[in-house]
Amino acid sequence: MTMENKNPEAAEEKPAKRARKKTVEEKPKRVKKTKEEAVAEEKAVEAPSKPPEVEATVEEAPAETAGKISEEVVKKAAGKEGSDEGFSIDERPVEWIPRTELGKRVYSGEIASFREVMKLGIPVKEVGIIDKLIPGMKEEVIDVGRVQRVTDSGRRMRFRVVAVVGNEDGYIGIGEGKAKEVGPAIRKAIDQGKLSVREIKRGCGSWECGCGMPHSVPFRISGKAGSVEILISPAPKGVGLGSGEVVQKILSLAGIKDAWVKTSGHTRTGINFAHAVYNALVNTNYIKMSDKDSERLKITSGSKQN
């Protein structure tokens, strides 16, 4: 017997396997695509094309509406007042809404001067009270520095600003502010300075002048903050401010035009230097003097109008 007759099943399996191989080989091969083509196809599927009507409206939009939209976006990005991030220096509320009892009395007109507020002895907790009772307040930045705090996550840097406010007519205040950016720190320092506004006494205390005008301090005054000590003496009219830049800024905002100044201590520390000058000016209110003497020496307390 031949081999074909002995194993008929094996003979049938061989042609079947060959047929399978042929069918596998006959399948079309997949074409490999580049990355750029694949990305282009995905974008075409994900981003549907805009209708022609929408595109026409966007192109035909006037410039006024675009300006309004940009202003709204800037306001949203600026954030709320008093926050550390995204607050501009010039951003101020349009209308002051009083929240304290003192603010309501000032807003209604029951209290018309800052001297009445000082007599009441009620602390001022709203900036709007100062803005209404003492118009024409000016600001001046004295010192800008960076401070850091060490935490578990690392060091956190912040800005510290010292600012002085005054109306150049007998009112002066000083404040500090800290924030992650310089703008919000300046705004906080100015607001804090307005809340600490005090009236000071002025006059012509120099024996060389005797003009009777409130261009200098009425007598010799001193102040201290930290290691810094300052002594301010009255000077005749026309001398000017014989001091450094920091003292000149503070005295000019207080309304003092002529004075001799002597300092000691570490005056490079701007924050202590500014507080020492402010302390000296406030000390003019603690010297006891009768009304007759103040009239005879022509000493002015606060503004000239009062």
Foldseek 3Di string as FASTA:
>chain_A
DDPCVVCVPVVVVVVVVVVVVVVVVPDDDDDDDDPVVVVVVVCPVPDPDDDPVVVVCVVPDDPVVVVVVVVVVLVVQLDDAPDQPNPAQPDDDPDDDDDDPVVVCVVVPVDQAVVVVVVVVDQDDDLVSLCRRPPQKDKDWFDKDKDWDQDPVGIQIKIKTKMKIANLFFKIFIAMAIHRDDRSRRNRGVSRRSSGIDGFKFFQCDPVALPTDRQAHNAWWWFFFDFKIKIKGGDHPPPFEQDDPSLNVRCSRNNHGGIYMDMDGDVVPRVRVNVGSVRRRVCNVVDDDDPVVCVVRNMDIGGPVD
